Amino acid sequence: MITITAVIRAKAGHEATMRDALVAVAAHVAANEPETIGFFISQSETEPGLFTTYERFADKAAMERHNGSAAVATFFGIAKPILDGEVILVTSQEVSATLR
């Protein structure tokens, strides 16, 4: 399993726009990407402009299809002007998962 963890910061006052843009990607994933095994979005309780995603892909090809999708391009079109710093991406091989 290939995973991506993303750390995304929105400028103050743009938290709702960033959240909505991320949720739109999640909706696209649910409807169109069966090989994206999971797409999780979190928003910090103490820093509302801080978001993280955890994305699980069946394989590298699925990750590349996701990253090359129109939904991701649309997200970055919305997010770029409201980002507070660079997006931090960590791509990994999943070692263990506990799902309930």
PDB file of N, CA and C in Angstrom:
ATOM      1  N   MET A   1       0.858  -1.173   0.000  1.00  0.00           N
ATOM      2  CA  MET A   1       0.000   0.000   0.000  1.00  0.00           C
ATOM      3  C   MET A   1       0.900   1.230   0.000  1.00  0.00           C
ATOM      4  N   ILE A   2       0.634   2.146  -0.926  1.00  0.00           N
ATOM      5  CA  ILE A   2       1.331   3.426  -0.997  1.00  0.00           C
ATOM      6  C   ILE A   2       0.471   4.455  -0.270  1.00  0.00           C
ATOM      7  N   THR A   3       1.109   5.312   0.516  1.00  0.00           N
ATOM      8  CA  THR A   3       0.357   6.359   1.218  1.00  0.00           C
ATOM      9  C   THR A   3       0.995   7.718   0.982  1.00  0.00           C
ATOM     10  N   ILE A   4       0.167   8.721   1.099  1.00  0.00           N
ATOM     11  CA  ILE A   4       0.636  10.105   1.118  1.00  0.00           C
ATOM     12  C   ILE A   4       0.030  10.767   2.348  1.00  0.00           C
ATOM     13  N   THR A   5       0.872  11.432   3.105  1.00  0.00           N
ATOM     14  CA  THR A   5       0.408  12.319   4.160  1.00  0.00           C
ATOM     15  C   THR A   5       0.728  13.734   3.693  1.00  0.00           C
ATOM     16  N   ALA A   6      -0.256  14.595   3.707  1.00  0.00           N
ATOM     17  CA  ALA A   6      -0.063  15.991   3.298  1.00  0.00           C
ATOM     18  C   ALA A   6      -0.371  16.899   4.475  1.00  0.00           C
ATOM     19  N   VAL A   7       0.478  17.900   4.649  1.00  0.00           N
ATOM     20  CA  VAL A   7       0.258  18.935   5.659  1.00  0.00           C
ATOM     21  C   VAL A   7       0.035  20.234   4.895  1.00  0.00           C
ATOM     22  N   ILE A   8      -1.124  20.834   5.109  1.00  0.00           N
ATOM     23  CA  ILE A   8      -1.568  21.988   4.323  1.00  0.00           C
ATOM     24  C   ILE A   8      -1.997  23.089   5.287  1.00  0.00           C
ATOM     25  N   ARG A   9      -1.466  24.279   5.078  1.00  0.00           N
ATOM     26  CA  ARG A   9      -1.858  25.416   5.918  1.00  0.00           C
ATOM     27  C   ARG A   9      -2.552  26.465   5.052  1.00  0.00           C
ATOM     28  N   ALA A  10      -3.721  26.890   5.518  1.00  0.00           N
ATOM     29  CA  ALA A  10      -4.471  27.952   4.847  1.00  0.00           C
ATOM     30  C   ALA A  10      -4.214  29.274   5.566  1.00  0.00           C
ATOM     31  N   LYS A  11      -4.176  30.338   4.797  1.00  0.00           N
ATOM     32  CA  LYS A  11      -4.066  31.670   5.392  1.00  0.00           C
ATOM     33  C   LYS A  11      -5.299  31.936   6.256  1.00  0.00           C
ATOM     34  N   ALA A  12      -5.103  32.744   7.293  1.00  0.00           N
ATOM     35  CA  ALA A  12      -6.207  33.104   8.184  1.00  0.00           C
ATOM     36  C   ALA A  12      -7.365  33.675   7.372  1.00  0.00           C
ATOM     37  N   GLY A  13      -8.556  33.252   7.712  1.00  0.00           N
ATOM     38  CA  GLY A  13      -9.752  33.711   7.028  1.00  0.00           C
ATOM     39  C   GLY A  13     -10.151  32.855   5.845  1.00  0.00           C
ATOM     40  N   HIS A  14      -9.301  31.884   5.459  1.00  0.00           N
ATOM     41  CA  HIS A  14      -9.570  31.043   4.294  1.00  0.00           C
ATOM     42  C   HIS A  14      -9.769  29.576   4.666  1.00  0.00           C
ATOM     43  N   GLU A  15      -9.989  29.320   5.947  1.00  0.00           N
ATOM     44  CA  GLU A  15     -10.122  27.943   6.414  1.00  0.00           C
ATOM     45  C   GLU A  15     -11.299  27.220   5.766  1.00  0.00           C
ATOM     46  N   ALA A  16     -12.431  27.860   5.664  1.00  0.00           N
ATOM     47  CA  ALA A  16     -13.623  27.209   5.086  1.00  0.00           C
ATOM     48  C   ALA A  16     -13.408  26.901   3.604  1.00  0.00           C
ATOM     49  N   THR A  17     -12.761  27.806   2.886  1.00  0.00           N
ATOM     50  CA  THR A  17     -12.486  27.573   1.465  1.00  0.00           C
ATOM     51  C   THR A  17     -11.581  26.367   1.294  1.00  0.00           C
ATOM     52  N   MET A  18     -10.533  26.277   2.131  1.00  0.00           N
ATOM     53  CA  MET A  18      -9.616  25.139   2.039  1.00  0.00           C
ATOM     54  C   MET A  18     -10.340  23.844   2.394  1.00  0.00           C
ATOM     55  N   ARG A  19     -11.114  23.869   3.459  1.00  0.00           N
ATOM     56  CA  ARG A  19     -11.863  22.668   3.864  1.00  0.00           C
ATOM     57  C   ARG A  19     -12.796  22.225   2.741  1.00  0.00           C
ATOM     58  N   ASP A  20     -13.522  23.154   2.156  1.00  0.00           N
ATOM     59  CA  ASP A  20     -14.454  22.810   1.078  1.00  0.00           C
ATOM     60  C   ASP A  20     -13.722  22.235  -0.134  1.00  0.00           C
ATOM     61  N   ALA A  21     -12.554  22.799  -0.461  1.00  0.00           N
ATOM     62  CA  ALA A  21     -11.773  22.299  -1.600  1.00  0.00           C
ATOM     63  C   ALA A  21     -11.279  20.877  -1.341  1.00  0.00           C
ATOM     64  N   LEU A  22     -10.856  20.605  -0.117  1.00  0.00           N
ATOM     65  CA  LEU A  22     -10.415  19.251   0.237  1.00  0.00           C
ATOM     66  C   LEU A  22     -11.585  18.266   0.210  1.00  0.00           C
ATOM     67  N   VAL A  23     -12.730  18.678   0.716  1.00  0.00           N
ATOM     68  CA  VAL A  23     -13.911  17.813   0.718  1.00  0.00           C
ATOM     69  C   VAL A  23     -14.349  17.509  -0.722  1.00  0.00           C
ATOM     70  N   ALA A  24     -14.181  18.459  -1.623  1.00  0.00           N
ATOM     71  CA  ALA A  24     -14.511  18.219  -3.038  1.00  0.00           C
ATOM     72  C   ALA A  24     -13.601  17.136  -3.619  1.00  0.00           C
ATOM     73  N   VAL A  25     -12.327  17.141  -3.252  1.00  0.00           N
ATOM     74  CA  VAL A  25     -11.426  16.076  -3.711  1.00  0.00           C
ATOM     75  C   VAL A  25     -11.901  14.735  -3.156  1.00  0.00           C
ATOM     76  N   ALA A  26     -12.251  14.705  -1.877  1.00  0.00           N
ATOM     77  CA  ALA A  26     -12.731  13.461  -1.264  1.00  0.00           C
ATOM     78  C   ALA A  26     -13.972  12.931  -1.978  1.00  0.00           C
ATOM     79  N   ALA A  27     -14.881  13.820  -2.361  1.00  0.00           N
ATOM     80  CA  ALA A  27     -16.087  13.396  -3.081  1.00  0.00           C
ATOM     81  C   ALA A  27     -15.721  12.799  -4.433  1.00  0.00           C
ATOM     82  N   HIS A  28     -14.774  13.424  -5.114  1.00  0.00           N
ATOM     83  CA  HIS A  28     -14.300  12.894  -6.404  1.00  0.00           C
ATOM     84  C   HIS A  28     -13.696  11.503  -6.205  1.00  0.00           C
ATOM     85  N   VAL A  29     -12.868  11.355  -5.178  1.00  0.00           N
ATOM     86  CA  VAL A  29     -12.248  10.065  -4.890  1.00  0.00           C
ATOM     87  C   VAL A  29     -13.319   9.004  -4.671  1.00  0.00           C
ATOM     88  N   ALA A  30     -14.305   9.307  -3.847  1.00  0.00           N
ATOM     89  CA  ALA A  30     -15.362   8.343  -3.537  1.00  0.00           C
ATOM     90  C   ALA A  30     -16.124   7.913  -4.790  1.00  0.00           C
ATOM     91  N   ALA A  31     -16.336   8.840  -5.698  1.00  0.00           N
ATOM     92  CA  ALA A  31     -17.144   8.551  -6.883  1.00  0.00           C
ATOM     93  C   ALA A  31     -16.351   7.955  -8.046  1.00  0.00           C
ATOM     94  N   ASN A  32     -15.032   8.199  -8.091  1.00  0.00           N
ATOM     95  CA  ASN A  32     -14.279   7.894  -9.312  1.00  0.00           C
ATOM     96  C   ASN A  32     -12.980   7.117  -9.144  1.00  0.00           C
ATOM     97  N   GLU A  33     -12.549   6.863  -7.928  1.00  0.00           N
ATOM     98  CA  GLU A  33     -11.227   6.257  -7.747  1.00  0.00           C
ATOM     99  C   GLU A  33     -11.304   5.003  -6.868  1.00  0.00           C
ATOM    100  N   PRO A  34     -11.723   3.883  -7.431  1.00  0.00           N
ATOM    101  CA  PRO A  34     -11.838   2.668  -6.621  1.00  0.00           C
ATOM    102  C   PRO A  34     -10.499   2.162  -6.079  1.00  0.00           C
ATOM    103  N   GLU A  35      -9.405   2.533  -6.718  1.00  0.00           N
ATOM    104  CA  GLU A  35      -8.090   2.076  -6.244  1.00  0.00           C
ATOM    105  C   GLU A  35      -7.457   3.043  -5.248  1.00  0.00           C
ATOM    106  N   THR A  36      -8.162   4.136  -4.935  1.00  0.00           N
ATOM    107  CA  THR A  36      -7.776   4.952  -3.792  1.00  0.00           C
ATOM    108  C   THR A  36      -8.538   4.346  -2.623  1.00  0.00           C
ATOM    109  N   ILE A  37      -7.815   3.651  -1.775  1.00  0.00           N
ATOM    110  CA  ILE A  37      -8.405   2.824  -0.725  1.00  0.00           C
ATOM    111  C   ILE A  37      -8.959   3.676   0.421  1.00  0.00           C
ATOM    112  N   GLY A  38      -8.351   4.822   0.662  1.00  0.00           N
ATOM    113  CA  GLY A  38      -8.821   5.707   1.721  1.00  0.00           C
ATOM    114  C   GLY A  38      -8.341   7.120   1.475  1.00  0.00           C
ATOM    115  N   PHE A  39      -9.176   8.081   1.830  1.00  0.00           N
ATOM    116  CA  PHE A  39      -8.820   9.494   1.696  1.00  0.00           C
ATOM    117  C   PHE A  39      -9.389  10.198   2.913  1.00  0.00           C
ATOM    118  N   PHE A  40      -8.526  10.537   3.842  1.00  0.00           N
ATOM    119  CA  PHE A  40      -8.936  11.099   5.124  1.00  0.00           C
ATOM    120  C   PHE A  40      -8.472  12.544   5.231  1.00  0.00           C
ATOM    121  N   ILE A  41      -9.324  13.408   5.738  1.00  0.00           N
ATOM    122  CA  ILE A  41      -9.015  14.827   5.917  1.00  0.00           C
ATOM    123  C   ILE A  41      -9.206  15.163   7.387  1.00  0.00           C
ATOM    124  N   SER A  42      -8.237  15.863   7.949  1.00  0.00           N
ATOM    125  CA  SER A  42      -8.356  16.338   9.330  1.00  0.00           C
ATOM    126  C   SER A  42      -8.060  17.828   9.372  1.00  0.00           C
ATOM    127  N   GLN A  43      -8.705  18.501  10.314  1.00  0.00           N
ATOM    128  CA  GLN A  43      -8.483  19.926  10.559  1.00  0.00           C
ATOM    129  C   GLN A  43      -8.123  20.073  12.033  1.00  0.00           C
ATOM    130  N   SER A  44      -7.037  20.764  12.307  1.00  0.00           N
ATOM    131  CA  SER A  44      -6.561  20.927  13.678  1.00  0.00           C
ATOM    132  C   SER A  44      -7.613  21.597  14.556  1.00  0.00           C
ATOM    133  N   GLU A  45      -7.741  21.108  15.774  1.00  0.00           N
ATOM    134  CA  GLU A  45      -8.656  21.727  16.730  1.00  0.00           C
ATOM    135  C   GLU A  45      -8.100  23.036  17.271  1.00  0.00           C
ATOM    136  N   THR A  46      -6.784  23.162  17.314  1.00  0.00           N
ATOM    137  CA  THR A  46      -6.173  24.358  17.899  1.00  0.00           C
ATOM    138  C   THR A  46      -5.677  25.360  16.869  1.00  0.00           C
ATOM    139  N   GLU A  47      -5.452  24.909  15.626  1.00  0.00           N
ATOM    140  CA  GLU A  47      -5.025  25.787  14.527  1.00  0.00           C
ATOM    141  C   GLU A  47      -5.953  25.534  13.349  1.00  0.00           C
ATOM    142  N   PRO A  48      -7.058  26.268  13.236  1.00  0.00           N
ATOM    143  CA  PRO A  48      -8.067  25.952  12.216  1.00  0.00           C
ATOM    144  C   PRO A  48      -7.565  26.014  10.772  1.00  0.00           C
ATOM    145  N   GLY A  49      -6.457  26.672  10.535  1.00  0.00           N
ATOM    146  CA  GLY A  49      -5.912  26.727   9.178  1.00  0.00           C
ATOM    147  C   GLY A  49      -5.007  25.561   8.834  1.00  0.00           C
ATOM    148  N   LEU A  50      -4.800  24.646   9.767  1.00  0.00           N
ATOM    149  CA  LEU A  50      -3.910  23.506   9.562  1.00  0.00           C
ATOM    150  C   LEU A  50      -4.727  22.256   9.239  1.00  0.00           C
ATOM    151  N   PHE A  51      -4.487  21.720   8.058  1.00  0.00           N
ATOM    152  CA  PHE A  51      -5.174  20.518   7.590  1.00  0.00           C
ATOM    153  C   PHE A  51      -4.145  19.434   7.307  1.00  0.00           C
ATOM    154  N   THR A  52      -4.553  18.200   7.501  1.00  0.00           N
ATOM    155  CA  THR A  52      -3.745  17.070   7.063  1.00  0.00           C
ATOM    156  C   THR A  52      -4.642  16.120   6.278  1.00  0.00           C
ATOM    157  N   THR A  53      -4.030  15.467   5.316  1.00  0.00           N
ATOM    158  CA  THR A  53      -4.724  14.376   4.631  1.00  0.00           C
ATOM    159  C   THR A  53      -3.876  13.126   4.775  1.00  0.00           C
ATOM    160  N   TYR A  54      -4.550  11.992   4.797  1.00  0.00           N
ATOM    161  CA  TYR A  54      -3.888  10.695   4.758  1.00  0.00           C
ATOM    162  C   TYR A  54      -4.574   9.934   3.641  1.00  0.00           C
ATOM    163  N   GLU A  55      -3.782   9.564   2.642  1.00  0.00           N
ATOM    164  CA  GLU A  55      -4.324   8.972   1.428  1.00  0.00           C
ATOM    165  C   GLU A  55      -3.694   7.596   1.229  1.00  0.00           C
ATOM    166  N   ARG A  56      -4.523   6.584   0.961  1.00  0.00           N
ATOM    167  CA  ARG A  56      -4.059   5.208   0.791  1.00  0.00           C
ATOM    168  C   ARG A  56      -4.407   4.740  -0.617  1.00  0.00           C
ATOM    169  N   PHE A  57      -3.395   4.222  -1.310  1.00  0.00           N
ATOM    170  CA  PHE A  57      -3.556   3.801  -2.704  1.00  0.00           C
ATOM    171  C   PHE A  57      -3.177   2.333  -2.863  1.00  0.00           C
ATOM    172  N   ALA A  58      -3.903   1.629  -3.736  1.00  0.00           N
ATOM    173  CA  ALA A  58      -3.629   0.216  -3.984  1.00  0.00           C
ATOM    174  C   ALA A  58      -2.213   0.013  -4.516  1.00  0.00           C
ATOM    175  N   ASP A  59      -1.743   0.942  -5.328  1.00  0.00           N
ATOM    176  CA  ASP A  59      -0.398   0.825  -5.897  1.00  0.00           C
ATOM    177  C   ASP A  59       0.040   2.194  -6.416  1.00  0.00           C
ATOM    178  N   LYS A  60       1.255   2.250  -6.928  1.00  0.00           N
ATOM    179  CA  LYS A  60       1.815   3.515  -7.410  1.00  0.00           C
ATOM    180  C   LYS A  60       1.006   4.081  -8.573  1.00  0.00           C
ATOM    181  N   ALA A  61       0.517   3.204  -9.450  1.00  0.00           N
ATOM    182  CA  ALA A  61      -0.279   3.674 -10.592  1.00  0.00           C
ATOM    183  C   ALA A  61      -1.552   4.376 -10.112  1.00  0.00           C
ATOM    184  N   ALA A  62      -2.200   3.840  -9.078  1.00  0.00           N
ATOM    185  CA  ALA A  62      -3.402   4.476  -8.527  1.00  0.00           C
ATOM    186  C   ALA A  62      -3.063   5.846  -7.950  1.00  0.00           C
ATOM    187  N   MET A  63      -1.914   5.933  -7.268  1.00  0.00           N
ATOM    188  CA  MET A  63      -1.483   7.217  -6.709  1.00  0.00           C
ATOM    189  C   MET A  63      -1.242   8.232  -7.834  1.00  0.00           C
ATOM    190  N   GLU A  64      -0.590   7.787  -8.892  1.00  0.00           N
ATOM    191  CA  GLU A  64      -0.305   8.688 -10.006  1.00  0.00           C
ATOM    192  C   GLU A  64      -1.582   9.139 -10.711  1.00  0.00           C
ATOM    193  N   ARG A  65      -2.555   8.233 -10.848  1.00  0.00           N
ATOM    194  CA  ARG A  65      -3.839   8.626 -11.452  1.00  0.00           C
ATOM    195  C   ARG A  65      -4.524   9.674 -10.588  1.00  0.00           C
ATOM    196  N   HIS A  66      -4.522   9.453  -9.283  1.00  0.00           N
ATOM    197  CA  HIS A  66      -5.122  10.426  -8.366  1.00  0.00           C
ATOM    198  C   HIS A  66      -4.412  11.772  -8.486  1.00  0.00           C
ATOM    199  N   ASN A  67      -3.095  11.755  -8.377  1.00  0.00           N
ATOM    200  CA  ASN A  67      -2.338  13.013  -8.403  1.00  0.00           C
ATOM    201  C   ASN A  67      -2.471  13.742  -9.736  1.00  0.00           C
ATOM    202  N   GLY A  68      -2.729  13.013 -10.806  1.00  0.00           N
ATOM    203  CA  GLY A  68      -2.901  13.621 -12.118  1.00  0.00           C
ATOM    204  C   GLY A  68      -4.341  13.943 -12.469  1.00  0.00           C
ATOM    205  N   SER A  69      -5.249  13.750 -11.540  1.00  0.00           N
ATOM    206  CA  SER A  69      -6.672  13.940 -11.836  1.00  0.00           C
ATOM    207  C   SER A  69      -7.046  15.416 -11.930  1.00  0.00           C
ATOM    208  N   ALA A  70      -8.135  15.662 -12.626  1.00  0.00           N
ATOM    209  CA  ALA A  70      -8.673  17.021 -12.723  1.00  0.00           C
ATOM    210  C   ALA A  70      -9.075  17.546 -11.350  1.00  0.00           C
ATOM    211  N   ALA A  71      -9.541  16.653 -10.474  1.00  0.00           N
ATOM    212  CA  ALA A  71      -9.964  17.085  -9.133  1.00  0.00           C
ATOM    213  C   ALA A  71      -8.790  17.636  -8.334  1.00  0.00           C
ATOM    214  N   VAL A  72      -7.637  16.991  -8.435  1.00  0.00           N
ATOM    215  CA  VAL A  72      -6.451  17.481  -7.722  1.00  0.00           C
ATOM    216  C   VAL A  72      -5.981  18.790  -8.348  1.00  0.00           C
ATOM    217  N   ALA A  73      -6.025  18.888  -9.668  1.00  0.00           N
ATOM    218  CA  ALA A  73      -5.638  20.141 -10.336  1.00  0.00           C
ATOM    219  C   ALA A  73      -6.564  21.279  -9.910  1.00  0.00           C
ATOM    220  N   THR A  74      -7.854  21.007  -9.836  1.00  0.00           N
ATOM    221  CA  THR A  74      -8.819  22.020  -9.398  1.00  0.00           C
ATOM    222  C   THR A  74      -8.529  22.434  -7.960  1.00  0.00           C
ATOM    223  N   PHE A  75      -8.243  21.439  -7.094  1.00  0.00           N
ATOM    224  CA  PHE A  75      -7.910  21.747  -5.702  1.00  0.00           C
ATOM    225  C   PHE A  75      -6.738  22.718  -5.637  1.00  0.00           C
ATOM    226  N   PHE A  76      -5.657  22.415  -6.341  1.00  0.00           N
ATOM    227  CA  PHE A  76      -4.484  23.283  -6.262  1.00  0.00           C
ATOM    228  C   PHE A  76      -4.754  24.651  -6.876  1.00  0.00           C
ATOM    229  N   GLY A  77      -5.639  24.729  -7.863  1.00  0.00           N
ATOM    230  CA  GLY A  77      -6.030  26.032  -8.399  1.00  0.00           C
ATOM    231  C   GLY A  77      -6.711  26.897  -7.351  1.00  0.00           C
ATOM    232  N   ILE A  78      -7.521  26.271  -6.524  1.00  0.00           N
ATOM    233  CA  ILE A  78      -8.199  26.985  -5.433  1.00  0.00           C
ATOM    234  C   ILE A  78      -7.235  27.256  -4.288  1.00  0.00           C
ATOM    235  N   ALA A  79      -6.447  26.244  -3.941  1.00  0.00           N
ATOM    236  CA  ALA A  79      -5.604  26.318  -2.746  1.00  0.00           C
ATOM    237  C   ALA A  79      -4.389  27.229  -2.907  1.00  0.00           C
ATOM    238  N   LYS A  80      -3.796  27.253  -4.072  1.00  0.00           N
ATOM    239  CA  LYS A  80      -2.525  27.970  -4.236  1.00  0.00           C
ATOM    240  C   LYS A  80      -2.557  29.402  -3.696  1.00  0.00           C
ATOM    241  N   PRO A  81      -3.550  30.212  -4.034  1.00  0.00           N
ATOM    242  CA  PRO A  81      -3.519  31.594  -3.546  1.00  0.00           C
ATOM    243  C   PRO A  81      -3.816  31.745  -2.051  1.00  0.00           C
ATOM    244  N   ILE A  82      -4.317  30.690  -1.422  1.00  0.00           N
ATOM    245  CA  ILE A  82      -4.649  30.812   0.006  1.00  0.00           C
ATOM    246  C   ILE A  82      -3.735  29.966   0.890  1.00  0.00           C
ATOM    247  N   LEU A  83      -2.696  29.365   0.302  1.00  0.00           N
ATOM    248  CA  LEU A  83      -1.750  28.584   1.085  1.00  0.00           C
ATOM    249  C   LEU A  83      -0.895  29.490   1.946  1.00  0.00           C
ATOM    250  N   ASP A  84      -0.646  29.048   3.162  1.00  0.00           N
ATOM    251  CA  ASP A  84       0.270  29.732   4.071  1.00  0.00           C
ATOM    252  C   ASP A  84       1.526  28.863   4.152  1.00  0.00           C
ATOM    253  N   GLY A  85       2.393  28.986   3.154  1.00  0.00           N
ATOM    254  CA  GLY A  85       3.592  28.156   3.063  1.00  0.00           C
ATOM    255  C   GLY A  85       3.402  27.026   2.069  1.00  0.00           C
ATOM    256  N   GLU A  86       4.427  26.204   1.959  1.00  0.00           N
ATOM    257  CA  GLU A  86       4.415  25.080   1.024  1.00  0.00           C
ATOM    258  C   GLU A  86       3.611  23.917   1.599  1.00  0.00           C
ATOM    259  N   VAL A  87       3.003  23.139   0.716  1.00  0.00           N
ATOM    260  CA  VAL A  87       2.361  21.890   1.116  1.00  0.00           C
ATOM    261  C   VAL A  87       3.477  20.881   1.368  1.00  0.00           C
ATOM    262  N   ILE A  88       3.418  20.203   2.488  1.00  0.00           N
ATOM    263  CA  ILE A  88       4.384  19.160   2.818  1.00  0.00           C
ATOM    264  C   ILE A  88       3.763  17.825   2.455  1.00  0.00           C
ATOM    265  N   LEU A  89       4.439  17.083   1.583  1.00  0.00           N
ATOM    266  CA  LEU A  89       3.965  15.763   1.156  1.00  0.00           C
ATOM    267  C   LEU A  89       4.967  14.703   1.584  1.00  0.00           C
ATOM    268  N   VAL A  90       4.471  13.653   2.207  1.00  0.00           N
ATOM    269  CA  VAL A  90       5.311  12.516   2.579  1.00  0.00           C
ATOM    270  C   VAL A  90       4.701  11.280   1.933  1.00  0.00           C
ATOM    271  N   THR A  91       5.424  10.692   0.987  1.00  0.00           N
ATOM    272  CA  THR A  91       4.976   9.473   0.311  1.00  0.00           C
ATOM    273  C   THR A  91       5.678   8.304   0.972  1.00  0.00           C
ATOM    274  N   SER A  92       4.908   7.258   1.295  1.00  0.00           N
ATOM    275  CA  SER A  92       5.460   6.145   2.076  1.00  0.00           C
ATOM    276  C   SER A  92       4.884   4.803   1.631  1.00  0.00           C
ATOM    277  N   GLN A  93       5.530   3.745   2.071  1.00  0.00           N
ATOM    278  CA  GLN A  93       4.980   2.392   1.998  1.00  0.00           C
ATOM    279  C   GLN A  93       4.349   2.108   3.348  1.00  0.00           C
ATOM    280  N   GLU A  94       3.071   1.776   3.351  1.00  0.00           N
ATOM    281  CA  GLU A  94       2.403   1.496   4.609  1.00  0.00           C
ATOM    282  C   GLU A  94       2.998   0.228   5.230  1.00  0.00           C
ATOM    283  N   VAL A  95       3.324   0.321   6.495  1.00  0.00           N
ATOM    284  CA  VAL A  95       3.924  -0.791   7.226  1.00  0.00           C
ATOM    285  C   VAL A  95       2.861  -1.583   7.982  1.00  0.00           C
ATOM    286  N   SER A  96       1.896  -0.890   8.554  1.00  0.00           N
ATOM    287  CA  SER A  96       0.861  -1.562   9.341  1.00  0.00           C
ATOM    288  C   SER A  96      -0.380  -0.676   9.369  1.00  0.00           C
ATOM    289  N   ALA A  97      -1.534  -1.310   9.428  1.00  0.00           N
ATOM    290  CA  ALA A  97      -2.801  -0.564   9.545  1.00  0.00           C
ATOM    291  C   ALA A  97      -3.756  -1.359  10.412  1.00  0.00           C
ATOM    292  N   THR A  98      -4.418  -0.674  11.290  1.00  0.00           N
ATOM    293  CA  THR A  98      -5.465  -1.274  12.103  1.00  0.00           C
ATOM    294  C   THR A  98      -6.764  -0.553  11.762  1.00  0.00           C
ATOM    295  N   LEU A  99      -7.699  -1.270  11.194  1.00  0.00           N
ATOM    296  CA  LEU A  99      -8.974  -0.692  10.799  1.00  0.00           C
ATOM    297  C   LEU A  99     -10.079  -1.400  11.561  1.00  0.00           C
ATOM    298  N   ARG A 100     -11.050  -0.652  12.000  1.00  0.00           N
ATOM    299  CA  ARG A 100     -12.171  -1.245  12.727  1.00  0.00           C
ATOM    300  C   ARG A 100     -13.453  -0.890  12.038  1.00  0.00           C
TER     301      ARG A 100
END
